[in-house]
Amino acid sequence: MHPDLSAHLHSAECNEIINAFQQCHVDHPVRKFMGHCNDLDRALTRCLKAERKKKQEANFAKSRGFQRLSQQKTEQSE
């Protein structure tokens, strides 16, 4: 199961894969159950994982900045 595949939530490269994956499901309504679209599914999973990892790293860096700022304020108040 994938997260929300709305275009505004993902990068341009992931959106291309999302569109190809969804088109594969439209073009092959029965064959999709037999693994016809699995290559696109794997590519989509890799792309979404890379996006999630970038977001995770950015959030971690942001939290480190907040921690440093908080620590500086604590040291100044002592």
N, C-alpha and C. Protein backbone atom coordinates (compact mmCIF):
# COMPACT_ATOMS: atom_id res chain seq x y z
N MET A 1 0.84 -1.17 0.00
CA MET A 1 0.00 0.00 0.00
C MET A 1 0.89 1.24 0.00
N HIS A 2 0.56 2.15 -0.86
CA HIS A 2 1.33 3.38 -0.98
C HIS A 2 0.64 4.51 -0.22
N PRO A 3 1.43 5.54 0.14
CA PRO A 3 0.80 6.72 0.72
C PRO A 3 -0.02 7.45 -0.34
N ASP A 4 -0.59 8.56 0.02
CA ASP A 4 -1.36 9.36 -0.93
C ASP A 4 -0.49 9.70 -2.13
N LEU A 5 -0.97 9.42 -3.34
CA LEU A 5 -0.18 9.64 -4.55
C LEU A 5 -0.57 10.92 -5.27
N SER A 6 -1.12 11.87 -4.56
CA SER A 6 -1.48 13.16 -5.16
C SER A 6 -0.23 13.85 -5.69
N ALA A 7 -0.37 14.49 -6.84
CA ALA A 7 0.79 15.09 -7.52
C ALA A 7 1.47 16.17 -6.70
N HIS A 8 0.71 16.94 -5.95
CA HIS A 8 1.31 18.06 -5.21
C HIS A 8 2.17 17.61 -4.03
N LEU A 9 2.11 16.33 -3.67
CA LEU A 9 2.86 15.83 -2.53
C LEU A 9 4.23 15.27 -2.89
N HIS A 10 4.50 15.12 -4.19
CA HIS A 10 5.71 14.41 -4.60
C HIS A 10 6.52 15.20 -5.62
N SER A 11 7.75 14.77 -5.80
CA SER A 11 8.66 15.41 -6.76
C SER A 11 8.24 15.08 -8.18
N ALA A 12 8.82 15.80 -9.13
CA ALA A 12 8.48 15.60 -10.55
C ALA A 12 8.86 14.20 -11.00
N GLU A 13 10.01 13.71 -10.55
CA GLU A 13 10.43 12.38 -10.99
C GLU A 13 9.51 11.30 -10.43
N CYS A 14 9.07 11.43 -9.19
CA CYS A 14 8.14 10.45 -8.63
C CYS A 14 6.77 10.56 -9.31
N ASN A 15 6.38 11.78 -9.66
CA ASN A 15 5.10 11.95 -10.34
C ASN A 15 5.08 11.25 -11.70
N GLU A 16 6.21 11.23 -12.40
CA GLU A 16 6.28 10.50 -13.67
C GLU A 16 6.05 9.01 -13.45
N ILE A 17 6.68 8.47 -12.42
CA ILE A 17 6.51 7.04 -12.11
C ILE A 17 5.09 6.76 -11.65
N ILE A 18 4.53 7.66 -10.85
CA ILE A 18 3.15 7.49 -10.38
C ILE A 18 2.20 7.45 -11.57
N ASN A 19 2.37 8.39 -12.50
CA ASN A 19 1.49 8.41 -13.67
C ASN A 19 1.63 7.15 -14.51
N ALA A 20 2.86 6.68 -14.72
CA ALA A 20 3.08 5.45 -15.49
C ALA A 20 2.45 4.26 -14.77
N PHE A 21 2.58 4.20 -13.46
CA PHE A 21 2.02 3.10 -12.66
C PHE A 21 0.49 3.10 -12.75
N GLN A 22 -0.11 4.27 -12.59
CA GLN A 22 -1.56 4.36 -12.67
C GLN A 22 -2.07 4.05 -14.07
N GLN A 23 -1.33 4.48 -15.09
CA GLN A 23 -1.71 4.19 -16.47
C GLN A 23 -1.59 2.69 -16.76
N CYS A 24 -0.60 2.05 -16.20
CA CYS A 24 -0.44 0.60 -16.35
C CYS A 24 -1.66 -0.12 -15.77
N HIS A 25 -2.14 0.34 -14.64
CA HIS A 25 -3.33 -0.27 -14.03
C HIS A 25 -4.57 -0.05 -14.89
N VAL A 26 -4.65 1.10 -15.55
CA VAL A 26 -5.80 1.38 -16.41
C VAL A 26 -5.72 0.53 -17.69
N ASP A 27 -4.53 0.45 -18.25
CA ASP A 27 -4.35 -0.28 -19.50
C ASP A 27 -4.45 -1.79 -19.33
N HIS A 28 -4.13 -2.30 -18.17
CA HIS A 28 -4.10 -3.75 -17.93
C HIS A 28 -4.89 -4.11 -16.68
N PRO A 29 -6.22 -4.00 -16.75
CA PRO A 29 -7.03 -4.21 -15.54
C PRO A 29 -6.95 -5.63 -14.97
N VAL A 30 -6.67 -6.62 -15.79
CA VAL A 30 -6.58 -7.99 -15.28
C VAL A 30 -5.13 -8.39 -15.08
N ARG A 31 -4.28 -8.01 -16.01
CA ARG A 31 -2.87 -8.40 -15.94
C ARG A 31 -2.16 -7.77 -14.74
N LYS A 32 -2.71 -6.67 -14.21
CA LYS A 32 -2.09 -6.05 -13.03
C LYS A 32 -2.09 -7.01 -11.86
N PHE A 33 -3.06 -7.91 -11.80
CA PHE A 33 -3.13 -8.88 -10.72
C PHE A 33 -2.12 -10.00 -10.89
N MET A 34 -1.57 -10.12 -12.10
CA MET A 34 -0.60 -11.17 -12.38
C MET A 34 0.83 -10.64 -12.42
N GLY A 35 1.02 -9.41 -11.95
CA GLY A 35 2.36 -8.85 -11.82
C GLY A 35 2.84 -8.05 -13.01
N HIS A 36 1.97 -7.67 -13.89
CA HIS A 36 2.38 -6.92 -15.08
C HIS A 36 2.97 -5.56 -14.73
N CYS A 37 2.50 -4.94 -13.68
CA CYS A 37 2.94 -3.59 -13.30
C CYS A 37 3.93 -3.60 -12.13
N ASN A 38 4.47 -4.76 -11.80
CA ASN A 38 5.34 -4.86 -10.62
C ASN A 38 6.63 -4.06 -10.74
N ASP A 39 7.20 -3.96 -11.93
CA ASP A 39 8.43 -3.19 -12.09
C ASP A 39 8.19 -1.72 -11.76
N LEU A 40 7.07 -1.19 -12.24
CA LEU A 40 6.73 0.20 -11.92
C LEU A 40 6.45 0.36 -10.43
N ASP A 41 5.82 -0.65 -9.83
CA ASP A 41 5.53 -0.59 -8.41
C ASP A 41 6.82 -0.53 -7.60
N ARG A 42 7.80 -1.35 -7.98
CA ARG A 42 9.08 -1.33 -7.27
C ARG A 42 9.79 0.02 -7.44
N ALA A 43 9.76 0.55 -8.65
CA ALA A 43 10.39 1.86 -8.91
C ALA A 43 9.70 2.95 -8.09
N LEU A 44 8.39 2.88 -8.01
CA LEU A 44 7.62 3.84 -7.23
C LEU A 44 7.98 3.74 -5.75
N THR A 45 8.09 2.54 -5.25
CA THR A 45 8.45 2.34 -3.84
C THR A 45 9.82 2.91 -3.55
N ARG A 46 10.80 2.68 -4.45
CA ARG A 46 12.15 3.24 -4.26
C ARG A 46 12.11 4.76 -4.26
N CYS A 47 11.35 5.35 -5.17
CA CYS A 47 11.28 6.80 -5.26
C CYS A 47 10.63 7.40 -4.01
N LEU A 48 9.54 6.81 -3.55
CA LEU A 48 8.86 7.31 -2.36
C LEU A 48 9.74 7.17 -1.12
N LYS A 49 10.51 6.08 -1.07
CA LYS A 49 11.41 5.87 0.06
C LYS A 49 12.51 6.94 0.07
N ALA A 50 13.04 7.27 -1.11
CA ALA A 50 14.07 8.31 -1.20
C ALA A 50 13.50 9.66 -0.77
N GLU A 51 12.28 9.97 -1.18
CA GLU A 51 11.64 11.23 -0.75
C GLU A 51 11.47 11.26 0.76
N ARG A 52 11.01 10.15 1.32
CA ARG A 52 10.79 10.07 2.77
C ARG A 52 12.10 10.26 3.51
N LYS A 53 13.18 9.66 2.99
CA LYS A 53 14.48 9.78 3.65
C LYS A 53 14.99 11.22 3.61
N LYS A 54 14.81 11.92 2.48
CA LYS A 54 15.21 13.32 2.39
C LYS A 54 14.45 14.17 3.41
N LYS A 55 13.15 13.92 3.50
CA LYS A 55 12.31 14.68 4.43
C LYS A 55 12.73 14.40 5.87
N GLN A 56 13.05 13.14 6.15
CA GLN A 56 13.48 12.74 7.48
C GLN A 56 14.78 13.44 7.86
N GLU A 57 15.74 13.48 6.94
CA GLU A 57 17.01 14.13 7.20
C GLU A 57 16.83 15.63 7.42
N ALA A 58 15.96 16.25 6.64
CA ALA A 58 15.70 17.68 6.82
C ALA A 58 15.07 17.96 8.18
N ASN A 59 14.14 17.14 8.58
CA ASN A 59 13.49 17.31 9.89
C ASN A 59 14.49 17.10 11.02
N PHE A 60 15.40 16.14 10.85
CA PHE A 60 16.41 15.89 11.88
C PHE A 60 17.34 17.09 12.02
N ALA A 61 17.77 17.65 10.89
CA ALA A 61 18.64 18.83 10.92
C ALA A 61 17.92 20.00 11.57
N LYS A 62 16.65 20.17 11.27
CA LYS A 62 15.86 21.25 11.86
C LYS A 62 15.75 21.07 13.38
N SER A 63 15.53 19.84 13.81
CA SER A 63 15.39 19.59 15.25
C SER A 63 16.72 19.83 15.96
N ARG A 64 17.84 19.49 15.31
CA ARG A 64 19.16 19.77 15.90
C ARG A 64 19.35 21.27 16.09
N GLY A 65 18.90 22.04 15.14
CA GLY A 65 18.99 23.50 15.27
C GLY A 65 18.19 24.01 16.45
N PHE A 66 16.99 23.49 16.62
CA PHE A 66 16.17 23.88 17.77
C PHE A 66 16.82 23.47 19.08
N GLN A 67 17.43 22.29 19.11
CA GLN A 67 18.10 21.83 20.33
C GLN A 67 19.27 22.74 20.69
N ARG A 68 20.05 23.12 19.68
CA ARG A 68 21.19 24.02 19.93
C ARG A 68 20.70 25.37 20.46
N LEU A 69 19.66 25.89 19.85
CA LEU A 69 19.11 27.18 20.26
C LEU A 69 18.60 27.10 21.70
N SER A 70 17.91 26.04 22.02
CA SER A 70 17.39 25.85 23.36
C SER A 70 18.52 25.73 24.37
N GLN A 71 19.56 25.02 24.01
CA GLN A 71 20.69 24.85 24.91
C GLN A 71 21.41 26.18 25.13
N GLN A 72 21.54 26.98 24.09
CA GLN A 72 22.18 28.28 24.22
C GLN A 72 21.37 29.19 25.15
N LYS A 73 20.06 29.18 24.99
CA LYS A 73 19.22 30.01 25.85
C LYS A 73 19.29 29.55 27.29
N THR A 74 19.38 28.26 27.51
CA THR A 74 19.49 27.72 28.87
C THR A 74 20.81 28.14 29.49
N GLU A 75 21.89 28.08 28.73
CA GLU A 75 23.20 28.48 29.25
C GLU A 75 23.26 29.96 29.55
N GLN A 76 22.60 30.77 28.74
CA GLN A 76 22.59 32.23 28.96
C GLN A 76 21.81 32.59 30.21
N SER A 77 20.77 31.84 30.51
CA SER A 77 19.93 32.18 31.65
C SER A 77 20.55 31.73 32.97
N GLU A 78 21.54 30.88 32.92
CA GLU A 78 22.17 30.40 34.17
C GLU A 78 23.17 31.35 34.71
